[in-house]
Amino acid sequence: MEAYRFIITGKVQNVSYRKSIQQIASLGQLKGYIKNLKNGSVEVVVDLHDDQLDEFTQILRHGSPLSDVEDISYEVLSEDDLLYDGFEIRYEENSS
């Protein structure tokens, strides 16, 4: 299992994107978080098995009914010392 960090750009804030992804990830018993970034994109950090990567990327691309994902980039985190209690929505200061 590896920790991945995704950055999703497009119309992904104020369209229930975080809530939609959080619900699907929780159903799949994934661990990680999703949060809005100040530049209008969304960050997702999640622990995945290699065989889950493509499916999870498709979940991120589909998003919510009102979202319009333009691009998804990701990287494998070399060290992930964050502790997760399921899959949560995190809030950054001064973000929605």
PDB file of N, CA and C in Angstrom:
ATOM      1  N   MET A   1       0.847  -1.172   0.000  1.00  0.00           N
ATOM      2  CA  MET A   1       0.000   0.000   0.000  1.00  0.00           C
ATOM      3  C   MET A   1       0.895   1.238   0.000  1.00  0.00           C
ATOM      4  N   GLU A   2       0.499   2.223  -0.793  1.00  0.00           N
ATOM      5  CA  GLU A   2       1.266   3.459  -0.888  1.00  0.00           C
ATOM      6  C   GLU A   2       0.345   4.651  -0.661  1.00  0.00           C
ATOM      7  N   ALA A   3       0.941   5.738  -0.206  1.00  0.00           N
ATOM      8  CA  ALA A   3       0.196   6.984  -0.043  1.00  0.00           C
ATOM      9  C   ALA A   3       0.358   7.810  -1.315  1.00  0.00           C
ATOM     10  N   TYR A   4      -0.762   8.252  -1.856  1.00  0.00           N
ATOM     11  CA  TYR A   4      -0.775   9.072  -3.059  1.00  0.00           C
ATOM     12  C   TYR A   4      -1.315  10.453  -2.723  1.00  0.00           C
ATOM     13  N   ARG A   5      -0.767  11.454  -3.393  1.00  0.00           N
ATOM     14  CA  ARG A   5      -1.273  12.824  -3.277  1.00  0.00           C
ATOM     15  C   ARG A   5      -1.757  13.259  -4.654  1.00  0.00           C
ATOM     16  N   PHE A   6      -3.044  13.562  -4.751  1.00  0.00           N
ATOM     17  CA  PHE A   6      -3.658  14.002  -5.991  1.00  0.00           C
ATOM     18  C   PHE A   6      -3.958  15.490  -5.903  1.00  0.00           C
ATOM     19  N   ILE A   7      -3.815  16.180  -7.019  1.00  0.00           N
ATOM     20  CA  ILE A   7      -4.271  17.561  -7.150  1.00  0.00           C
ATOM     21  C   ILE A   7      -5.280  17.564  -8.301  1.00  0.00           C
ATOM     22  N   ILE A   8      -6.489  18.032  -8.004  1.00  0.00           N
ATOM     23  CA  ILE A   8      -7.564  18.037  -8.980  1.00  0.00           C
ATOM     24  C   ILE A   8      -7.899  19.490  -9.292  1.00  0.00           C
ATOM     25  N   THR A   9      -7.911  19.836 -10.584  1.00  0.00           N
ATOM     26  CA  THR A   9      -8.225  21.197 -10.992  1.00  0.00           C
ATOM     27  C   THR A   9      -9.483  21.206 -11.848  1.00  0.00           C
ATOM     28  N   GLY A  10     -10.078  22.375 -11.940  1.00  0.00           N
ATOM     29  CA  GLY A  10     -11.314  22.556 -12.693  1.00  0.00           C
ATOM     30  C   GLY A  10     -12.358  23.172 -11.774  1.00  0.00           C
ATOM     31  N   LYS A  11     -13.601  22.920 -12.085  1.00  0.00           N
ATOM     32  CA  LYS A  11     -14.703  23.396 -11.232  1.00  0.00           C
ATOM     33  C   LYS A  11     -14.922  22.338 -10.147  1.00  0.00           C
ATOM     34  N   VAL A  12     -14.147  22.458  -9.059  1.00  0.00           N
ATOM     35  CA  VAL A  12     -14.165  21.431  -8.016  1.00  0.00           C
ATOM     36  C   VAL A  12     -14.404  22.005  -6.619  1.00  0.00           C
ATOM     37  N   GLN A  13     -14.619  23.306  -6.525  1.00  0.00           N
ATOM     38  CA  GLN A  13     -14.966  23.896  -5.234  1.00  0.00           C
ATOM     39  C   GLN A  13     -16.375  24.463  -5.312  1.00  0.00           C
ATOM     40  N   ASN A  14     -17.086  24.379  -4.194  1.00  0.00           N
ATOM     41  CA  ASN A  14     -18.466  24.856  -4.086  1.00  0.00           C
ATOM     42  C   ASN A  14     -19.429  24.102  -5.000  1.00  0.00           C
ATOM     43  N   VAL A  15     -19.128  22.831  -5.258  1.00  0.00           N
ATOM     44  CA  VAL A  15     -19.995  21.986  -6.085  1.00  0.00           C
ATOM     45  C   VAL A  15     -20.186  20.601  -5.454  1.00  0.00           C
ATOM     46  N   SER A  16     -19.980  20.496  -4.141  1.00  0.00           N
ATOM     47  CA  SER A  16     -20.107  19.233  -3.384  1.00  0.00           C
ATOM     48  C   SER A  16     -19.097  18.175  -3.813  1.00  0.00           C
ATOM     49  N   TYR A  17     -17.994  18.608  -4.386  1.00  0.00           N
ATOM     50  CA  TYR A  17     -16.968  17.658  -4.829  1.00  0.00           C
ATOM     51  C   TYR A  17     -16.368  16.895  -3.655  1.00  0.00           C
ATOM     52  N   ARG A  18     -15.949  17.628  -2.614  1.00  0.00           N
ATOM     53  CA  ARG A  18     -15.324  16.964  -1.459  1.00  0.00           C
ATOM     54  C   ARG A  18     -16.266  15.957  -0.822  1.00  0.00           C
ATOM     55  N   LYS A  19     -17.518  16.343  -0.640  1.00  0.00           N
ATOM     56  CA  LYS A  19     -18.493  15.462   0.012  1.00  0.00           C
ATOM     57  C   LYS A  19     -18.718  14.193  -0.816  1.00  0.00           C
ATOM     58  N   SER A  20     -18.834  14.348  -2.138  1.00  0.00           N
ATOM     59  CA  SER A  20     -19.040  13.180  -3.002  1.00  0.00           C
ATOM     60  C   SER A  20     -17.874  12.207  -2.919  1.00  0.00           C
ATOM     61  N   ILE A  21     -16.658  12.739  -2.998  1.00  0.00           N
ATOM     62  CA  ILE A  21     -15.475  11.874  -2.934  1.00  0.00           C
ATOM     63  C   ILE A  21     -15.356  11.235  -1.557  1.00  0.00           C
ATOM     64  N   GLN A  22     -15.621  12.006  -0.513  1.00  0.00           N
ATOM     65  CA  GLN A  22     -15.530  11.476   0.857  1.00  0.00           C
ATOM     66  C   GLN A  22     -16.502  10.316   1.056  1.00  0.00           C
ATOM     67  N   GLN A  23     -17.716  10.442   0.555  1.00  0.00           N
ATOM     68  CA  GLN A  23     -18.708   9.376   0.709  1.00  0.00           C
ATOM     69  C   GLN A  23     -18.282   8.107  -0.022  1.00  0.00           C
ATOM     70  N   ILE A  24     -17.811   8.236  -1.249  1.00  0.00           N
ATOM     71  CA  ILE A  24     -17.386   7.056  -2.023  1.00  0.00           C
ATOM     72  C   ILE A  24     -16.158   6.413  -1.386  1.00  0.00           C
ATOM     73  N   ALA A  25     -15.201   7.235  -0.978  1.00  0.00           N
ATOM     74  CA  ALA A  25     -13.986   6.695  -0.354  1.00  0.00           C
ATOM     75  C   ALA A  25     -14.301   5.994   0.960  1.00  0.00           C
ATOM     76  N   SER A  26     -15.226   6.555   1.728  1.00  0.00           N
ATOM     77  CA  SER A  26     -15.602   5.922   2.996  1.00  0.00           C
ATOM     78  C   SER A  26     -16.279   4.577   2.757  1.00  0.00           C
ATOM     79  N   LEU A  27     -17.126   4.504   1.745  1.00  0.00           N
ATOM     80  CA  LEU A  27     -17.774   3.235   1.410  1.00  0.00           C
ATOM     81  C   LEU A  27     -16.740   2.178   1.038  1.00  0.00           C
ATOM     82  N   GLY A  28     -15.674   2.608   0.383  1.00  0.00           N
ATOM     83  CA  GLY A  28     -14.601   1.687   0.002  1.00  0.00           C
ATOM     84  C   GLY A  28     -13.598   1.447   1.101  1.00  0.00           C
ATOM     85  N   GLN A  29     -13.865   2.004   2.277  1.00  0.00           N
ATOM     86  CA  GLN A  29     -13.010   1.864   3.452  1.00  0.00           C
ATOM     87  C   GLN A  29     -11.586   2.348   3.194  1.00  0.00           C
ATOM     88  N   LEU A  30     -11.470   3.403   2.373  1.00  0.00           N
ATOM     89  CA  LEU A  30     -10.160   4.001   2.121  1.00  0.00           C
ATOM     90  C   LEU A  30      -9.814   4.950   3.254  1.00  0.00           C
ATOM     91  N   LYS A  31      -8.530   5.169   3.428  1.00  0.00           N
ATOM     92  CA  LYS A  31      -8.063   6.073   4.472  1.00  0.00           C
ATOM     93  C   LYS A  31      -7.322   7.239   3.836  1.00  0.00           C
ATOM     94  N   GLY A  32      -7.656   8.437   4.306  1.00  0.00           N
ATOM     95  CA  GLY A  32      -7.009   9.621   3.778  1.00  0.00           C
ATOM     96  C   GLY A  32      -7.843  10.848   4.037  1.00  0.00           C
ATOM     97  N   TYR A  33      -7.632  11.874   3.201  1.00  0.00           N
ATOM     98  CA  TYR A  33      -8.399  13.109   3.355  1.00  0.00           C
ATOM     99  C   TYR A  33      -8.513  13.840   2.023  1.00  0.00           C
ATOM    100  N   ILE A  34      -9.436  14.786   2.000  1.00  0.00           N
ATOM    101  CA  ILE A  34      -9.637  15.665   0.866  1.00  0.00           C
ATOM    102  C   ILE A  34      -9.800  17.072   1.407  1.00  0.00           C
ATOM    103  N   LYS A  35      -9.216  18.059   0.711  1.00  0.00           N
ATOM    104  CA  LYS A  35      -9.392  19.443   1.153  1.00  0.00           C
ATOM    105  C   LYS A  35      -9.242  20.408  -0.012  1.00  0.00           C
ATOM    106  N   ASN A  36      -9.927  21.546   0.110  1.00  0.00           N
ATOM    107  CA  ASN A  36      -9.787  22.624  -0.858  1.00  0.00           C
ATOM    108  C   ASN A  36      -8.453  23.318  -0.647  1.00  0.00           C
ATOM    109  N   LEU A  37      -7.869  23.773  -1.735  1.00  0.00           N
ATOM    110  CA  LEU A  37      -6.660  24.585  -1.664  1.00  0.00           C
ATOM    111  C   LEU A  37      -7.006  26.013  -2.057  1.00  0.00           C
ATOM    112  N   LYS A  38      -6.213  26.946  -1.599  1.00  0.00           N
ATOM    113  CA  LYS A  38      -6.495  28.361  -1.823  1.00  0.00           C
ATOM    114  C   LYS A  38      -6.499  28.743  -3.302  1.00  0.00           C
ATOM    115  N   ASN A  39      -5.816  27.992  -4.147  1.00  0.00           N
ATOM    116  CA  ASN A  39      -5.746  28.321  -5.571  1.00  0.00           C
ATOM    117  C   ASN A  39      -6.948  27.814  -6.369  1.00  0.00           C
ATOM    118  N   GLY A  40      -7.939  27.228  -5.682  1.00  0.00           N
ATOM    119  CA  GLY A  40      -9.146  26.747  -6.349  1.00  0.00           C
ATOM    120  C   GLY A  40      -9.133  25.272  -6.689  1.00  0.00           C
ATOM    121  N   SER A  41      -8.016  24.612  -6.463  1.00  0.00           N
ATOM    122  CA  SER A  41      -7.939  23.174  -6.719  1.00  0.00           C
ATOM    123  C   SER A  41      -8.267  22.399  -5.441  1.00  0.00           C
ATOM    124  N   VAL A  42      -8.264  21.093  -5.546  1.00  0.00           N
ATOM    125  CA  VAL A  42      -8.552  20.212  -4.410  1.00  0.00           C
ATOM    126  C   VAL A  42      -7.392  19.232  -4.270  1.00  0.00           C
ATOM    127  N   GLU A  43      -7.004  18.968  -3.032  1.00  0.00           N
ATOM    128  CA  GLU A  43      -5.954  18.000  -2.727  1.00  0.00           C
ATOM    129  C   GLU A  43      -6.586  16.773  -2.087  1.00  0.00           C
ATOM    130  N   VAL A  44      -6.124  15.612  -2.519  1.00  0.00           N
ATOM    131  CA  VAL A  44      -6.539  14.344  -1.916  1.00  0.00           C
ATOM    132  C   VAL A  44      -5.275  13.572  -1.573  1.00  0.00           C
ATOM    133  N   VAL A  45      -5.193  13.103  -0.347  1.00  0.00           N
ATOM    134  CA  VAL A  45      -4.127  12.186   0.061  1.00  0.00           C
ATOM    135  C   VAL A  45      -4.828  10.914   0.510  1.00  0.00           C
ATOM    136  N   VAL A  46      -4.418   9.783  -0.064  1.00  0.00           N
ATOM    137  CA  VAL A  46      -5.120   8.528   0.206  1.00  0.00           C
ATOM    138  C   VAL A  46      -4.137   7.363   0.124  1.00  0.00           C
ATOM    139  N   ASP A  47      -4.370   6.377   0.966  1.00  0.00           N
ATOM    140  CA  ASP A  47      -3.604   5.133   0.922  1.00  0.00           C
ATOM    141  C   ASP A  47      -4.306   4.171  -0.025  1.00  0.00           C
ATOM    142  N   LEU A  48      -3.575   3.696  -1.040  1.00  0.00           N
ATOM    143  CA  LEU A  48      -4.144   2.798  -2.043  1.00  0.00           C
ATOM    144  C   LEU A  48      -3.202   1.632  -2.316  1.00  0.00           C
ATOM    145  N   HIS A  49      -3.795   0.518  -2.690  1.00  0.00           N
ATOM    146  CA  HIS A  49      -3.025  -0.575  -3.279  1.00  0.00           C
ATOM    147  C   HIS A  49      -2.838  -0.230  -4.751  1.00  0.00           C
ATOM    148  N   ASP A  50      -1.788  -0.737  -5.371  1.00  0.00           N
ATOM    149  CA  ASP A  50      -1.514  -0.425  -6.776  1.00  0.00           C
ATOM    150  C   ASP A  50      -2.712  -0.711  -7.679  1.00  0.00           C
ATOM    151  N   ASP A  51      -3.443  -1.784  -7.398  1.00  0.00           N
ATOM    152  CA  ASP A  51      -4.572  -2.142  -8.259  1.00  0.00           C
ATOM    153  C   ASP A  51      -5.799  -1.245  -8.042  1.00  0.00           C
ATOM    154  N   GLN A  52      -5.748  -0.326  -7.081  1.00  0.00           N
ATOM    155  CA  GLN A  52      -6.856   0.604  -6.841  1.00  0.00           C
ATOM    156  C   GLN A  52      -6.637   1.957  -7.510  1.00  0.00           C
ATOM    157  N   LEU A  53      -5.450   2.210  -8.021  1.00  0.00           N
ATOM    158  CA  LEU A  53      -5.098   3.534  -8.529  1.00  0.00           C
ATOM    159  C   LEU A  53      -5.998   3.984  -9.679  1.00  0.00           C
ATOM    160  N   ASP A  54      -6.177   3.152 -10.687  1.00  0.00           N
ATOM    161  CA  ASP A  54      -6.990   3.547 -11.843  1.00  0.00           C
ATOM    162  C   ASP A  54      -8.444   3.788 -11.455  1.00  0.00           C
ATOM    163  N   GLU A  55      -8.987   2.906 -10.644  1.00  0.00           N
ATOM    164  CA  GLU A  55     -10.385   3.064 -10.225  1.00  0.00           C
ATOM    165  C   GLU A  55     -10.572   4.341  -9.401  1.00  0.00           C
ATOM    166  N   PHE A  56      -9.651   4.618  -8.498  1.00  0.00           N
ATOM    167  CA  PHE A  56      -9.782   5.815  -7.672  1.00  0.00           C
ATOM    168  C   PHE A  56      -9.621   7.076  -8.527  1.00  0.00           C
ATOM    169  N   THR A  57      -8.728   7.047  -9.498  1.00  0.00           N
ATOM    170  CA  THR A  57      -8.564   8.188 -10.398  1.00  0.00           C
ATOM    171  C   THR A  57      -9.870   8.455 -11.156  1.00  0.00           C
ATOM    172  N   GLN A  58     -10.567   7.403 -11.568  1.00  0.00           N
ATOM    173  CA  GLN A  58     -11.855   7.574 -12.245  1.00  0.00           C
ATOM    174  C   GLN A  58     -12.910   8.166 -11.312  1.00  0.00           C
ATOM    175  N   ILE A  59     -12.874   7.772 -10.048  1.00  0.00           N
ATOM    176  CA  ILE A  59     -13.789   8.363  -9.057  1.00  0.00           C
ATOM    177  C   ILE A  59     -13.526   9.856  -8.937  1.00  0.00           C
ATOM    178  N   LEU A  60     -12.258  10.230  -8.878  1.00  0.00           N
ATOM    179  CA  LEU A  60     -11.902  11.646  -8.790  1.00  0.00           C
ATOM    180  C   LEU A  60     -12.336  12.391 -10.050  1.00  0.00           C
ATOM    181  N   ARG A  61     -12.189  11.777 -11.219  1.00  0.00           N
ATOM    182  CA  ARG A  61     -12.560  12.416 -12.470  1.00  0.00           C
ATOM    183  C   ARG A  61     -14.074  12.619 -12.548  1.00  0.00           C
ATOM    184  N   HIS A  62     -14.838  11.660 -12.066  1.00  0.00           N
ATOM    185  CA  HIS A  62     -16.304  11.762 -12.105  1.00  0.00           C
ATOM    186  C   HIS A  62     -16.787  12.834 -11.125  1.00  0.00           C
ATOM    187  N   GLY A  63     -16.227  12.865  -9.929  1.00  0.00           N
ATOM    188  CA  GLY A  63     -16.541  13.901  -8.941  1.00  0.00           C
ATOM    189  C   GLY A  63     -17.981  13.937  -8.519  1.00  0.00           C
ATOM    190  N   SER A  64     -18.572  15.122  -8.553  1.00  0.00           N
ATOM    191  CA  SER A  64     -19.972  15.318  -8.178  1.00  0.00           C
ATOM    192  C   SER A  64     -20.752  15.738  -9.424  1.00  0.00           C
ATOM    193  N   PRO A  65     -22.091  15.706  -9.346  1.00  0.00           N
ATOM    194  CA  PRO A  65     -22.887  16.092 -10.513  1.00  0.00           C
ATOM    195  C   PRO A  65     -22.599  17.508 -11.028  1.00  0.00           C
ATOM    196  N   LEU A  66     -22.193  18.417 -10.163  1.00  0.00           N
ATOM    197  CA  LEU A  66     -21.956  19.801 -10.565  1.00  0.00           C
ATOM    198  C   LEU A  66     -20.490  20.113 -10.873  1.00  0.00           C
ATOM    199  N   SER A  67     -19.606  19.170 -10.616  1.00  0.00           N
ATOM    200  CA  SER A  67     -18.174  19.435 -10.829  1.00  0.00           C
ATOM    201  C   SER A  67     -17.800  19.241 -12.300  1.00  0.00           C
ATOM    202  N   ASP A  68     -16.682  19.838 -12.673  1.00  0.00           N
ATOM    203  CA  ASP A  68     -16.127  19.689 -14.009  1.00  0.00           C
ATOM    204  C   ASP A  68     -14.609  19.605 -13.856  1.00  0.00           C
ATOM    205  N   VAL A  69     -14.101  18.394 -13.784  1.00  0.00           N
ATOM    206  CA  VAL A  69     -12.678  18.163 -13.557  1.00  0.00           C
ATOM    207  C   VAL A  69     -11.917  18.400 -14.860  1.00  0.00           C
ATOM    208  N   GLU A  70     -10.910  19.259 -14.797  1.00  0.00           N
ATOM    209  CA  GLU A  70     -10.076  19.549 -15.967  1.00  0.00           C
ATOM    210  C   GLU A  70      -8.819  18.696 -15.981  1.00  0.00           C
ATOM    211  N   ASP A  71      -8.199  18.508 -14.818  1.00  0.00           N
ATOM    212  CA  ASP A  71      -6.940  17.773 -14.780  1.00  0.00           C
ATOM    213  C   ASP A  71      -6.757  17.125 -13.417  1.00  0.00           C
ATOM    214  N   ILE A  72      -6.083  15.982 -13.426  1.00  0.00           N
ATOM    215  CA  ILE A  72      -5.713  15.278 -12.201  1.00  0.00           C
ATOM    216  C   ILE A  72      -4.242  14.920 -12.310  1.00  0.00           C
ATOM    217  N   SER A  73      -3.470  15.371 -11.342  1.00  0.00           N
ATOM    218  CA  SER A  73      -2.071  14.952 -11.270  1.00  0.00           C
ATOM    219  C   SER A  73      -1.874  14.240  -9.939  1.00  0.00           C
ATOM    220  N   TYR A  74      -0.879  13.376  -9.888  1.00  0.00           N
ATOM    221  CA  TYR A  74      -0.620  12.686  -8.625  1.00  0.00           C
ATOM    222  C   TYR A  74       0.851  12.353  -8.490  1.00  0.00           C
ATOM    223  N   GLU A  75       1.196  12.094  -7.245  1.00  0.00           N
ATOM    224  CA  GLU A  75       2.542  11.648  -6.923  1.00  0.00           C
ATOM    225  C   GLU A  75       2.442  10.635  -5.790  1.00  0.00           C
ATOM    226  N   VAL A  76       3.425   9.766  -5.726  1.00  0.00           N
ATOM    227  CA  VAL A  76       3.527   8.837  -4.610  1.00  0.00           C
ATOM    228  C   VAL A  76       4.322   9.542  -3.527  1.00  0.00           C
ATOM    229  N   LEU A  77       3.788   9.554  -2.328  1.00  0.00           N
ATOM    230  CA  LEU A  77       4.484  10.189  -1.213  1.00  0.00           C
ATOM    231  C   LEU A  77       5.517   9.225  -0.661  1.00  0.00           C
ATOM    232  N   SER A  78       6.739   9.702  -0.531  1.00  0.00           N
ATOM    233  CA  SER A  78       7.801   8.825  -0.038  1.00  0.00           C
ATOM    234  C   SER A  78       7.616   8.523   1.444  1.00  0.00           C
ATOM    235  N   GLU A  79       7.141   9.518   2.180  1.00  0.00           N
ATOM    236  CA  GLU A  79       6.855   9.301   3.591  1.00  0.00           C
ATOM    237  C   GLU A  79       5.515   9.911   3.902  1.00  0.00           C
ATOM    238  N   ASP A  80       4.662   9.136   4.508  1.00  0.00           N
ATOM    239  CA  ASP A  80       3.353   9.631   4.904  1.00  0.00           C
ATOM    240  C   ASP A  80       3.207   9.360   6.386  1.00  0.00           C
ATOM    241  N   ASP A  81       3.466  10.382   7.183  1.00  0.00           N
ATOM    242  CA  ASP A  81       3.389  10.210   8.630  1.00  0.00           C
ATOM    243  C   ASP A  81       2.064  10.708   9.194  1.00  0.00           C
ATOM    244  N   LEU A  82       1.098  10.967   8.316  1.00  0.00           N
ATOM    245  CA  LEU A  82      -0.210  11.412   8.779  1.00  0.00           C
ATOM    246  C   LEU A  82      -1.022  10.222   9.253  1.00  0.00           C
ATOM    247  N   LEU A  83      -1.790  10.446  10.284  1.00  0.00           N
ATOM    248  CA  LEU A  83      -2.659   9.403  10.798  1.00  0.00           C
ATOM    249  C   LEU A  83      -4.072   9.666  10.300  1.00  0.00           C
ATOM    250  N   TYR A  84      -4.708   8.642   9.800  1.00  0.00           N
ATOM    251  CA  TYR A  84      -6.053   8.768   9.270  1.00  0.00           C
ATOM    252  C   TYR A  84      -7.027   7.975  10.105  1.00  0.00           C
ATOM    253  N   ASP A  85      -8.194   8.545  10.281  1.00  0.00           N
ATOM    254  CA  ASP A  85      -9.300   7.833  10.905  1.00  0.00           C
ATOM    255  C   ASP A  85     -10.395   7.763   9.855  1.00  0.00           C
ATOM    256  N   GLY A  86     -10.245   6.851   8.921  1.00  0.00           N
ATOM    257  CA  GLY A  86     -11.167   6.780   7.797  1.00  0.00           C
ATOM    258  C   GLY A  86     -10.771   7.782   6.733  1.00  0.00           C
ATOM    259  N   PHE A  87     -11.759   8.273   5.997  1.00  0.00           N
ATOM    260  CA  PHE A  87     -11.516   9.260   4.950  1.00  0.00           C
ATOM    261  C   PHE A  87     -12.282  10.510   5.324  1.00  0.00           C
ATOM    262  N   GLU A  88     -11.567  11.600   5.519  1.00  0.00           N
ATOM    263  CA  GLU A  88     -12.186  12.796   6.071  1.00  0.00           C
ATOM    264  C   GLU A  88     -12.030  14.012   5.179  1.00  0.00           C
ATOM    265  N   ILE A  89     -12.925  14.954   5.362  1.00  0.00           N
ATOM    266  CA  ILE A  89     -12.795  16.264   4.743  1.00  0.00           C
ATOM    267  C   ILE A  89     -12.015  17.128   5.714  1.00  0.00           C
ATOM    268  N   ARG A  90     -10.954  17.717   5.208  1.00  0.00           N
ATOM    269  CA  ARG A  90     -10.159  18.622   6.055  1.00  0.00           C
ATOM    270  C   ARG A  90     -10.367  20.046   5.582  1.00  0.00           C
ATOM    271  N   TYR A  91     -10.207  20.958   6.507  1.00  0.00           N
ATOM    272  CA  TYR A  91     -10.430  22.365   6.207  1.00  0.00           C
ATOM    273  C   TYR A  91      -9.159  23.144   6.449  1.00  0.00           C
ATOM    274  N   GLU A  92      -8.758  23.904   5.457  1.00  0.00           N
ATOM    275  CA  GLU A  92      -7.590  24.758   5.570  1.00  0.00           C
ATOM    276  C   GLU A  92      -8.073  26.136   6.003  1.00  0.00           C
ATOM    277  N   GLU A  93      -7.275  26.843   6.747  1.00  0.00           N
ATOM    278  CA  GLU A  93      -7.669  28.190   7.171  1.00  0.00           C
ATOM    279  C   GLU A  93      -7.980  29.042   5.961  1.00  0.00           C
ATOM    280  N   ASN A  94      -9.032  29.844   6.082  1.00  0.00           N
ATOM    281  CA  ASN A  94      -9.447  30.764   5.026  1.00  0.00           C
ATOM    282  C   ASN A  94      -9.846  30.062   3.737  1.00  0.00           C
ATOM    283  N   SER A  95     -10.359  28.830   3.821  1.00  0.00           N
ATOM    284  CA  SER A  95     -10.883  28.159   2.637  1.00  0.00           C
ATOM    285  C   SER A  95     -12.304  27.710   2.905  1.00  0.00           C
ATOM    286  N   SER A  96     -12.991  27.344   1.857  1.00  0.00           N
ATOM    287  CA  SER A  96     -14.378  26.905   2.027  1.00  0.00           C
ATOM    288  C   SER A  96     -14.501  25.413   1.943  1.00  0.00           C
TER     289      SER A  96
END
